[in-house]
Amino acid sequence: MSPIRNSALRLQDAVPPTTALRVVPVRLPTLAVVIPAYNEEKNIEKVLAELAALRRARPRWKIIPIVVNDGSADRTEEVLQRISPIYEACFVSLPLNLGIGRAVQAGLKMAVRLGADVTLQLDGDGQHPAEQIPLLAGPILAGKVDVAVGSRYLPGAGGNVSTSLRQAGTWFFSRLLRLLVGVDIKDVTSGFRAFSADATEFLSRYYPDDYPEVQAYVPLVRKGFSVGEVAVRMRPRTQGVSSITPLRSAYYMIKVAFATTIDLIRPLPRRRGGPVER
């Protein structure tokens, strides 16, 4: 046998047999979108339609809308019964109007049960465009922060900047939080936010009642959750009436300032994991 042929045989013998490849399925990140709704029969379908459009634009995300009907007195529940299968949305109706805090907390509990990687809070009045959700979800999925706040007041933001009265209240609470826990949030009253799985689990057990947009930050910071702010675009409400009226503003500021300060010393539930309580 020639040397060339011998070499060829030895090379062939050295080649390992063909091995079957194992295909490992890729888990899609799950985004739960909690939508508290009170008397939003004219707005809620548009909100769900925008989320459906985002689902088509982001096929690698599993987006689950969770609408919490907070004891609405209009046809919100009837509308949700009709459209929720169309838009692949979950919804729950509270037996009576419990307020924004309890409505959001009910949605957060559902998000925990669904195993959401990111949970977003989105108003049911259409002021928060669903197309802006990736701006908030991105920092959470990348592990940069535990809480991402959609801000109307950062450079690059656009759209609705709210009334001068609400801007004054936002300025006041922003300074208060900086004084109490050292966190600097320009749009502290924003209801457009995203939470990590750990932050969602904590808030599902401990969430303020009346005006949680401001009050929730003290326990979050005390428990070591990191908070960041992202410039987003918002829209003015087109249907319905805001629950915050000028007559309630003074009462709101006094009550929330007091409750937020008390949260500095209030006992908090244990965090599932992470840094030691401040």
C-alpha atoms as a PDB file:
ATOM      1  CA  MET A   1       0.000   0.000   0.000  1.00  0.00           C
ATOM      2  CA  SER A   2       1.396   3.390  -0.919  1.00  0.00           C
ATOM      3  CA  PRO A   3       2.354   5.895   1.759  1.00  0.00           C
ATOM      4  CA  ILE A   4      -0.194   8.350   0.376  1.00  0.00           C
ATOM      5  CA  ARG A   5      -3.026   5.853   0.778  1.00  0.00           C
ATOM      6  CA  ASN A   6      -1.895   4.922   4.284  1.00  0.00           C
ATOM      7  CA  SER A   7      -1.946   8.598   5.266  1.00  0.00           C
ATOM      8  CA  ALA A   8      -5.440   9.010   3.872  1.00  0.00           C
ATOM      9  CA  LEU A   9      -6.690   6.034   5.852  1.00  0.00           C
ATOM     10  CA  ARG A  10      -5.196   7.319   9.092  1.00  0.00           C
ATOM     11  CA  LEU A  11      -6.806  10.786   8.534  1.00  0.00           C
ATOM     12  CA  GLN A  12     -10.170   9.202   7.906  1.00  0.00           C
ATOM     13  CA  ASP A  13      -9.891   7.101  11.049  1.00  0.00           C
ATOM     14  CA  ALA A  14      -9.181  10.276  13.092  1.00  0.00           C
ATOM     15  CA  VAL A  15     -12.478  11.978  12.087  1.00  0.00           C
ATOM     16  CA  PRO A  16     -15.074  11.503  14.884  1.00  0.00           C
ATOM     17  CA  PRO A  17     -18.457  10.081  13.995  1.00  0.00           C
ATOM     18  CA  THR A  18     -21.290  12.516  13.271  1.00  0.00           C
ATOM     19  CA  THR A  19     -22.975  13.728  16.499  1.00  0.00           C
ATOM     20  CA  ALA A  20     -26.635  14.765  16.650  1.00  0.00           C
ATOM     21  CA  LEU A  21     -27.067  18.447  17.536  1.00  0.00           C
ATOM     22  CA  ARG A  22     -29.215  19.284  20.548  1.00  0.00           C
ATOM     23  CA  VAL A  23     -31.605  22.190  19.972  1.00  0.00           C
ATOM     24  CA  VAL A  24     -32.167  24.252  23.126  1.00  0.00           C
ATOM     25  CA  PRO A  25     -35.337  26.414  22.987  1.00  0.00           C
ATOM     26  CA  VAL A  26     -34.787  30.114  23.644  1.00  0.00           C
ATOM     27  CA  ARG A  27     -37.018  31.553  26.381  1.00  0.00           C
ATOM     28  CA  LEU A  28     -38.735  34.756  25.342  1.00  0.00           C
ATOM     29  CA  PRO A  29     -38.644  37.562  27.944  1.00  0.00           C
ATOM     30  CA  THR A  30     -42.102  38.076  29.411  1.00  0.00           C
ATOM     31  CA  LEU A  31     -43.406  41.623  29.805  1.00  0.00           C
ATOM     32  CA  ALA A  32     -46.566  42.110  31.859  1.00  0.00           C
ATOM     33  CA  VAL A  33     -48.295  45.457  31.281  1.00  0.00           C
ATOM     34  CA  VAL A  34     -50.514  46.430  34.226  1.00  0.00           C
ATOM     35  CA  ILE A  35     -53.259  48.859  33.205  1.00  0.00           C
ATOM     36  CA  PRO A  36     -55.416  50.266  36.032  1.00  0.00           C
ATOM     37  CA  ALA A  37     -58.717  51.432  34.549  1.00  0.00           C
ATOM     38  CA  TYR A  38     -61.497  53.444  36.129  1.00  0.00           C
ATOM     39  CA  ASN A  39     -64.325  54.568  33.820  1.00  0.00           C
ATOM     40  CA  GLU A  40     -62.188  54.112  30.691  1.00  0.00           C
ATOM     41  CA  GLU A  41     -64.775  52.604  28.352  1.00  0.00           C
ATOM     42  CA  LYS A  42     -63.825  55.124  25.626  1.00  0.00           C
ATOM     43  CA  ASN A  43     -60.064  54.664  25.933  1.00  0.00           C
ATOM     44  CA  ILE A  44     -59.229  51.090  26.877  1.00  0.00           C
ATOM     45  CA  GLU A  45     -59.604  49.491  23.439  1.00  0.00           C
ATOM     46  CA  LYS A  46     -57.179  51.979  21.901  1.00  0.00           C
ATOM     47  CA  VAL A  47     -54.635  51.163  24.627  1.00  0.00           C
ATOM     48  CA  LEU A  48     -54.949  47.413  23.993  1.00  0.00           C
ATOM     49  CA  ALA A  49     -54.757  47.924  20.230  1.00  0.00           C
ATOM     50  CA  GLU A  50     -51.456  49.783  20.644  1.00  0.00           C
ATOM     51  CA  LEU A  51     -50.101  46.951  22.786  1.00  0.00           C
ATOM     52  CA  ALA A  52     -51.135  44.462  20.104  1.00  0.00           C
ATOM     53  CA  ALA A  53     -49.204  46.526  17.553  1.00  0.00           C
ATOM     54  CA  LEU A  54     -46.148  46.488  19.825  1.00  0.00           C
ATOM     55  CA  ARG A  55     -46.467  42.698  20.161  1.00  0.00           C
ATOM     56  CA  ARG A  56     -46.308  42.389  16.367  1.00  0.00           C
ATOM     57  CA  ALA A  57     -43.328  44.749  16.214  1.00  0.00           C
ATOM     58  CA  ARG A  58     -41.473  42.856  18.986  1.00  0.00           C
ATOM     59  CA  PRO A  59     -42.074  39.166  18.259  1.00  0.00           C
ATOM     60  CA  ARG A  60     -39.186  38.153  20.547  1.00  0.00           C
ATOM     61  CA  TRP A  61     -41.053  39.578  23.556  1.00  0.00           C
ATOM     62  CA  LYS A  62     -44.004  37.892  25.221  1.00  0.00           C
ATOM     63  CA  ILE A  63     -46.262  40.838  26.039  1.00  0.00           C
ATOM     64  CA  ILE A  64     -49.224  40.212  28.366  1.00  0.00           C
ATOM     65  CA  PRO A  65     -51.665  43.076  29.038  1.00  0.00           C
ATOM     66  CA  ILE A  66     -53.284  42.927  32.489  1.00  0.00           C
ATOM     67  CA  VAL A  67     -56.234  45.318  32.819  1.00  0.00           C
ATOM     68  CA  VAL A  68     -57.555  45.940  36.332  1.00  0.00           C
ATOM     69  CA  ASN A  69     -61.053  47.389  36.208  1.00  0.00           C
ATOM     70  CA  ASP A  70     -61.236  49.355  39.461  1.00  0.00           C
ATOM     71  CA  GLY A  71     -64.988  49.191  40.098  1.00  0.00           C
ATOM     72  CA  SER A  72     -65.860  51.368  37.120  1.00  0.00           C
ATOM     73  CA  ALA A  73     -69.348  52.872  37.032  1.00  0.00           C
ATOM     74  CA  ASP A  74     -69.468  52.991  33.217  1.00  0.00           C
ATOM     75  CA  ARG A  75     -69.273  50.184  30.607  1.00  0.00           C
ATOM     76  CA  THR A  76     -65.567  49.442  31.094  1.00  0.00           C
ATOM     77  CA  GLU A  77     -66.183  45.864  32.275  1.00  0.00           C
ATOM     78  CA  GLU A  78     -68.585  45.155  29.417  1.00  0.00           C
ATOM     79  CA  VAL A  79     -66.056  46.474  26.906  1.00  0.00           C
ATOM     80  CA  LEU A  80     -63.279  44.353  28.436  1.00  0.00           C
ATOM     81  CA  GLN A  81     -65.395  41.192  28.287  1.00  0.00           C
ATOM     82  CA  ARG A  82     -65.858  41.787  24.564  1.00  0.00           C
ATOM     83  CA  ILE A  83     -62.357  42.853  23.530  1.00  0.00           C
ATOM     84  CA  SER A  84     -59.968  41.020  25.879  1.00  0.00           C
ATOM     85  CA  PRO A  85     -59.974  37.794  23.791  1.00  0.00           C
ATOM     86  CA  ILE A  86     -59.360  39.830  20.635  1.00  0.00           C
ATOM     87  CA  TYR A  87     -56.270  41.534  22.098  1.00  0.00           C
ATOM     88  CA  GLU A  88     -55.065  38.527  24.145  1.00  0.00           C
ATOM     89  CA  ALA A  89     -55.418  40.485  27.373  1.00  0.00           C
ATOM     90  CA  CYS A  90     -56.064  39.359  30.939  1.00  0.00           C
ATOM     91  CA  PHE A  91     -58.465  41.409  33.003  1.00  0.00           C
ATOM     92  CA  VAL A  92     -59.859  41.405  36.493  1.00  0.00           C
ATOM     93  CA  SER A  93     -62.728  43.490  37.856  1.00  0.00           C
ATOM     94  CA  LEU A  94     -62.522  44.659  41.462  1.00  0.00           C
ATOM     95  CA  PRO A  95     -65.898  44.549  43.253  1.00  0.00           C
ATOM     96  CA  LEU A  96     -65.778  48.281  44.036  1.00  0.00           C
ATOM     97  CA  ASN A  97     -63.531  51.286  43.486  1.00  0.00           C
ATOM     98  CA  LEU A  98     -60.480  50.639  45.707  1.00  0.00           C
ATOM     99  CA  GLY A  99     -58.223  53.359  44.277  1.00  0.00           C
ATOM    100  CA  ILE A 100     -55.141  53.406  42.075  1.00  0.00           C
ATOM    101  CA  GLY A 101     -52.887  51.767  44.669  1.00  0.00           C
ATOM    102  CA  ARG A 102     -54.980  48.650  45.183  1.00  0.00           C
ATOM    103  CA  ALA A 103     -55.713  48.376  41.443  1.00  0.00           C
ATOM    104  CA  VAL A 104     -52.019  48.462  40.524  1.00  0.00           C
ATOM    105  CA  GLN A 105     -51.146  46.032  43.310  1.00  0.00           C
ATOM    106  CA  ALA A 106     -53.735  43.555  42.016  1.00  0.00           C
ATOM    107  CA  GLY A 107     -52.055  43.738  38.614  1.00  0.00           C
ATOM    108  CA  LEU A 108     -48.608  43.290  40.155  1.00  0.00           C
ATOM    109  CA  LYS A 109     -49.774  40.127  41.929  1.00  0.00           C
ATOM    110  CA  MET A 110     -50.961  38.723  38.607  1.00  0.00           C
ATOM    111  CA  ALA A 111     -47.647  39.636  36.970  1.00  0.00           C
ATOM    112  CA  VAL A 112     -45.765  37.698  39.680  1.00  0.00           C
ATOM    113  CA  ARG A 113     -47.947  34.634  39.101  1.00  0.00           C
ATOM    114  CA  LEU A 114     -47.266  34.869  35.359  1.00  0.00           C
ATOM    115  CA  GLY A 115     -43.501  34.971  35.981  1.00  0.00           C
ATOM    116  CA  ALA A 116     -42.944  38.327  34.275  1.00  0.00           C
ATOM    117  CA  ASP A 117     -39.324  39.411  33.737  1.00  0.00           C
ATOM    118  CA  VAL A 118     -40.463  43.044  33.481  1.00  0.00           C
ATOM    119  CA  THR A 119     -43.719  44.559  34.697  1.00  0.00           C
ATOM    120  CA  LEU A 120     -44.844  47.903  33.331  1.00  0.00           C
ATOM    121  CA  GLN A 121     -47.462  50.261  34.681  1.00  0.00           C
ATOM    122  CA  LEU A 122     -49.470  51.963  31.941  1.00  0.00           C
ATOM    123  CA  ASP A 123     -52.442  54.302  32.388  1.00  0.00           C
ATOM    124  CA  GLY A 124     -55.742  53.240  30.866  1.00  0.00           C
ATOM    125  CA  ASP A 125     -56.520  56.709  29.497  1.00  0.00           C
ATOM    126  CA  GLY A 126     -54.160  56.523  26.510  1.00  0.00           C
ATOM    127  CA  GLN A 127     -51.625  59.095  27.745  1.00  0.00           C
ATOM    128  CA  HIS A 128     -48.747  56.597  27.619  1.00  0.00           C
ATOM    129  CA  PRO A 129     -47.955  55.412  24.063  1.00  0.00           C
ATOM    130  CA  ALA A 130     -47.205  51.687  23.969  1.00  0.00           C
ATOM    131  CA  GLU A 131     -44.451  52.317  21.422  1.00  0.00           C
ATOM    132  CA  GLN A 132     -42.456  53.950  24.246  1.00  0.00           C
ATOM    133  CA  ILE A 133     -42.425  50.740  26.318  1.00  0.00           C
ATOM    134  CA  PRO A 134     -39.077  49.493  24.908  1.00  0.00           C
ATOM    135  CA  LEU A 135     -37.408  52.643  26.288  1.00  0.00           C
ATOM    136  CA  LEU A 136     -38.458  51.594  29.802  1.00  0.00           C
ATOM    137  CA  ALA A 137     -38.128  47.827  29.450  1.00  0.00           C
ATOM    138  CA  GLY A 138     -34.650  47.991  27.926  1.00  0.00           C
ATOM    139  CA  PRO A 139     -32.747  49.120  31.065  1.00  0.00           C
ATOM    140  CA  ILE A 140     -34.586  46.504  33.165  1.00  0.00           C
ATOM    141  CA  LEU A 141     -33.828  43.637  30.762  1.00  0.00           C
ATOM    142  CA  ALA A 142     -30.186  44.772  30.596  1.00  0.00           C
ATOM    143  CA  GLY A 143     -29.951  44.663  34.403  1.00  0.00           C
ATOM    144  CA  LYS A 144     -29.031  48.349  34.674  1.00  0.00           C
ATOM    145  CA  VAL A 145     -31.812  49.356  37.101  1.00  0.00           C
ATOM    146  CA  ASP A 146     -34.676  47.778  39.041  1.00  0.00           C
ATOM    147  CA  VAL A 147     -37.122  50.617  38.374  1.00  0.00           C
ATOM    148  CA  ALA A 148     -37.306  52.744  35.214  1.00  0.00           C
ATOM    149  CA  VAL A 149     -39.448  55.893  35.360  1.00  0.00           C
ATOM    150  CA  GLY A 150     -40.861  57.442  32.198  1.00  0.00           C
ATOM    151  CA  SER A 151     -40.159  61.174  32.439  1.00  0.00           C
ATOM    152  CA  ARG A 152     -41.738  64.177  30.730  1.00  0.00           C
ATOM    153  CA  TYR A 153     -39.080  66.518  32.089  1.00  0.00           C
ATOM    154  CA  LEU A 154     -35.772  65.083  30.879  1.00  0.00           C
ATOM    155  CA  PRO A 155     -34.022  66.367  27.734  1.00  0.00           C
ATOM    156  CA  GLY A 156     -35.401  64.507  24.736  1.00  0.00           C
ATOM    157  CA  ALA A 157     -38.873  64.000  26.211  1.00  0.00           C
ATOM    158  CA  GLY A 158     -41.883  65.253  24.301  1.00  0.00           C
ATOM    159  CA  GLY A 159     -45.640  65.594  24.256  1.00  0.00           C
ATOM    160  CA  ASN A 160     -47.814  66.375  27.249  1.00  0.00           C
ATOM    161  CA  VAL A 161     -45.973  68.284  29.998  1.00  0.00           C
ATOM    162  CA  SER A 162     -49.039  68.443  32.283  1.00  0.00           C
ATOM    163  CA  THR A 163     -50.637  71.491  33.910  1.00  0.00           C
ATOM    164  CA  SER A 164     -48.683  74.138  35.788  1.00  0.00           C
ATOM    165  CA  LEU A 165     -50.369  73.038  39.036  1.00  0.00           C
ATOM    166  CA  ARG A 166     -49.247  69.446  38.586  1.00  0.00           C
ATOM    167  CA  GLN A 167     -45.763  70.567  37.575  1.00  0.00           C
ATOM    168  CA  ALA A 168     -45.510  72.516  40.840  1.00  0.00           C
ATOM    169  CA  GLY A 169     -46.554  69.433  42.811  1.00  0.00           C
ATOM    170  CA  THR A 170     -44.033  67.300  40.923  1.00  0.00           C
ATOM    171  CA  TRP A 171     -41.257  69.783  41.706  1.00  0.00           C
ATOM    172  CA  PHE A 172     -42.186  69.724  45.408  1.00  0.00           C
ATOM    173  CA  PHE A 173     -42.225  65.917  45.673  1.00  0.00           C
ATOM    174  CA  SER A 174     -39.029  65.605  43.671  1.00  0.00           C
ATOM    175  CA  ARG A 175     -37.232  67.804  46.221  1.00  0.00           C
ATOM    176  CA  LEU A 176     -38.838  65.906  49.102  1.00  0.00           C
ATOM    177  CA  LEU A 177     -37.596  62.524  47.851  1.00  0.00           C
ATOM    178  CA  ARG A 178     -34.119  63.911  47.268  1.00  0.00           C
ATOM    179  CA  LEU A 179     -34.100  65.107  50.876  1.00  0.00           C
ATOM    180  CA  LEU A 180     -35.510  61.884  52.366  1.00  0.00           C
ATOM    181  CA  VAL A 181     -33.659  59.136  50.460  1.00  0.00           C
ATOM    182  CA  GLY A 182     -31.262  60.920  48.112  1.00  0.00           C
ATOM    183  CA  VAL A 183     -32.930  59.777  44.888  1.00  0.00           C
ATOM    184  CA  ASP A 184     -33.243  62.362  42.086  1.00  0.00           C
ATOM    185  CA  ILE A 185     -36.398  61.800  40.001  1.00  0.00           C
ATOM    186  CA  LYS A 186     -37.646  64.706  37.909  1.00  0.00           C
ATOM    187  CA  ASP A 187     -41.052  63.199  37.005  1.00  0.00           C
ATOM    188  CA  VAL A 188     -41.867  61.680  40.362  1.00  0.00           C
ATOM    189  CA  THR A 189     -45.652  61.625  39.709  1.00  0.00           C
ATOM    190  CA  SER A 190     -45.296  59.667  36.458  1.00  0.00           C
ATOM    191  CA  GLY A 191     -47.567  56.638  36.184  1.00  0.00           C
ATOM    192  CA  PHE A 192     -45.510  55.219  33.296  1.00  0.00           C
ATOM    193  CA  ARG A 193     -42.955  52.914  34.948  1.00  0.00           C
ATOM    194  CA  ALA A 194     -41.207  49.555  34.601  1.00  0.00           C
ATOM    195  CA  PHE A 195     -40.133  47.164  37.363  1.00  0.00           C
ATOM    196  CA  SER A 196     -37.775  44.206  37.508  1.00  0.00           C
ATOM    197  CA  ALA A 197     -39.077  40.822  38.650  1.00  0.00           C
ATOM    198  CA  ASP A 198     -37.657  41.380  42.151  1.00  0.00           C
ATOM    199  CA  ALA A 199     -39.122  44.885  42.447  1.00  0.00           C
ATOM    200  CA  THR A 200     -42.487  43.614  41.192  1.00  0.00           C
ATOM    201  CA  GLU A 201     -42.520  40.826  43.771  1.00  0.00           C
ATOM    202  CA  PHE A 202     -41.727  43.288  46.574  1.00  0.00           C
ATOM    203  CA  LEU A 203     -44.358  45.808  45.477  1.00  0.00           C
ATOM    204  CA  SER A 204     -46.952  43.049  45.098  1.00  0.00           C
ATOM    205  CA  ARG A 205     -46.681  42.658  48.897  1.00  0.00           C
ATOM    206  CA  TYR A 206     -46.149  46.308  49.837  1.00  0.00           C
ATOM    207  CA  TYR A 207     -47.741  49.068  47.764  1.00  0.00           C
ATOM    208  CA  PRO A 208     -49.153  52.409  48.959  1.00  0.00           C
ATOM    209  CA  ASP A 209     -52.888  53.025  48.699  1.00  0.00           C
ATOM    210  CA  ASP A 210     -53.931  56.446  47.467  1.00  0.00           C
ATOM    211  CA  TYR A 211     -51.154  58.118  45.435  1.00  0.00           C
ATOM    212  CA  PRO A 212     -48.412  55.500  45.097  1.00  0.00           C
ATOM    213  CA  GLU A 213     -46.471  57.173  42.300  1.00  0.00           C
ATOM    214  CA  VAL A 214     -44.606  59.267  44.881  1.00  0.00           C
ATOM    215  CA  GLN A 215     -44.839  57.180  48.029  1.00  0.00           C
ATOM    216  CA  ALA A 216     -43.530  53.899  46.572  1.00  0.00           C
ATOM    217  CA  TYR A 217     -40.006  55.242  46.051  1.00  0.00           C
ATOM    218  CA  VAL A 218     -39.081  55.443  49.741  1.00  0.00           C
ATOM    219  CA  PRO A 219     -39.599  51.715  50.468  1.00  0.00           C
ATOM    220  CA  LEU A 220     -37.991  50.791  47.133  1.00  0.00           C
ATOM    221  CA  VAL A 221     -34.836  52.778  47.902  1.00  0.00           C
ATOM    222  CA  ARG A 222     -34.763  51.576  51.512  1.00  0.00           C
ATOM    223  CA  LYS A 223     -34.759  47.986  50.237  1.00  0.00           C
ATOM    224  CA  GLY A 224     -31.841  48.657  47.905  1.00  0.00           C
ATOM    225  CA  PHE A 225     -33.682  48.766  44.555  1.00  0.00           C
ATOM    226  CA  SER A 226     -31.993  51.025  42.001  1.00  0.00           C
ATOM    227  CA  VAL A 227     -34.114  53.676  40.263  1.00  0.00           C
ATOM    228  CA  GLY A 228     -33.444  55.327  36.905  1.00  0.00           C
ATOM    229  CA  GLU A 229     -35.315  57.791  34.714  1.00  0.00           C
ATOM    230  CA  VAL A 230     -35.885  57.680  30.954  1.00  0.00           C
ATOM    231  CA  ALA A 231     -37.116  60.447  28.662  1.00  0.00           C
ATOM    232  CA  VAL A 232     -40.428  59.467  27.049  1.00  0.00           C
ATOM    233  CA  ARG A 233     -43.202  61.049  25.036  1.00  0.00           C
ATOM    234  CA  MET A 234     -46.669  61.334  26.549  1.00  0.00           C
ATOM    235  CA  ARG A 235     -50.019  62.485  25.217  1.00  0.00           C
ATOM    236  CA  PRO A 236     -52.859  64.527  26.710  1.00  0.00           C
ATOM    237  CA  ARG A 237     -55.995  62.627  27.687  1.00  0.00           C
ATOM    238  CA  THR A 238     -58.589  62.695  24.888  1.00  0.00           C
ATOM    239  CA  GLN A 239     -61.571  61.182  26.710  1.00  0.00           C
ATOM    240  CA  GLY A 240     -62.759  61.261  30.331  1.00  0.00           C
ATOM    241  CA  VAL A 241     -61.582  63.363  33.262  1.00  0.00           C
ATOM    242  CA  SER A 242     -58.464  63.116  35.418  1.00  0.00           C
ATOM    243  CA  SER A 243     -59.008  62.042  39.027  1.00  0.00           C
ATOM    244  CA  ILE A 244     -56.670  64.808  40.294  1.00  0.00           C
ATOM    245  CA  THR A 245     -58.575  68.100  40.460  1.00  0.00           C
ATOM    246  CA  PRO A 246     -57.414  71.502  41.734  1.00  0.00           C
ATOM    247  CA  LEU A 247     -59.649  71.129  44.806  1.00  0.00           C
ATOM    248  CA  ARG A 248     -57.886  67.910  45.794  1.00  0.00           C
ATOM    249  CA  SER A 249     -54.352  69.124  45.095  1.00  0.00           C
ATOM    250  CA  ALA A 250     -53.653  70.786  48.468  1.00  0.00           C
ATOM    251  CA  TYR A 251     -55.021  67.799  50.388  1.00  0.00           C
ATOM    252  CA  TYR A 252     -53.022  65.492  48.116  1.00  0.00           C
ATOM    253  CA  MET A 253     -49.722  67.292  48.742  1.00  0.00           C
ATOM    254  CA  ILE A 254     -50.147  67.366  52.531  1.00  0.00           C
ATOM    255  CA  LYS A 255     -51.281  63.757  52.813  1.00  0.00           C
ATOM    256  CA  VAL A 256     -48.630  62.307  50.497  1.00  0.00           C
ATOM    257  CA  ALA A 257     -45.814  64.367  52.016  1.00  0.00           C
ATOM    258  CA  PHE A 258     -46.745  63.091  55.475  1.00  0.00           C
ATOM    259  CA  ALA A 259     -47.144  59.449  54.353  1.00  0.00           C
ATOM    260  CA  THR A 260     -43.883  59.528  52.401  1.00  0.00           C
ATOM    261  CA  THR A 261     -41.988  60.869  55.417  1.00  0.00           C
ATOM    262  CA  ILE A 262     -43.511  58.219  57.699  1.00  0.00           C
ATOM    263  CA  ASP A 263     -42.288  55.533  55.273  1.00  0.00           C
ATOM    264  CA  LEU A 264     -38.756  56.332  56.424  1.00  0.00           C
ATOM    265  CA  ILE A 265     -39.468  54.556  59.721  1.00  0.00           C
ATOM    266  CA  ARG A 266     -42.360  52.260  58.841  1.00  0.00           C
ATOM    267  CA  PRO A 267     -41.545  48.503  59.106  1.00  0.00           C
ATOM    268  CA  LEU A 268     -41.224  46.939  55.665  1.00  0.00           C
ATOM    269  CA  PRO A 269     -41.582  43.319  54.517  1.00  0.00           C
ATOM    270  CA  ARG A 270     -38.437  41.386  53.671  1.00  0.00           C
ATOM    271  CA  ARG A 271     -37.004  41.641  50.179  1.00  0.00           C
ATOM    272  CA  ARG A 272     -36.665  38.346  48.319  1.00  0.00           C
ATOM    273  CA  GLY A 273     -32.957  39.023  47.765  1.00  0.00           C
ATOM    274  CA  GLY A 274     -30.459  41.831  47.300  1.00  0.00           C
ATOM    275  CA  PRO A 275     -28.809  44.508  49.450  1.00  0.00           C
ATOM    276  CA  VAL A 276     -29.502  45.056  53.122  1.00  0.00           C
ATOM    277  CA  GLU A 277     -32.260  47.502  54.059  1.00  0.00           C
ATOM    278  CA  ARG A 278     -31.276  51.129  54.445  1.00  0.00           C
END
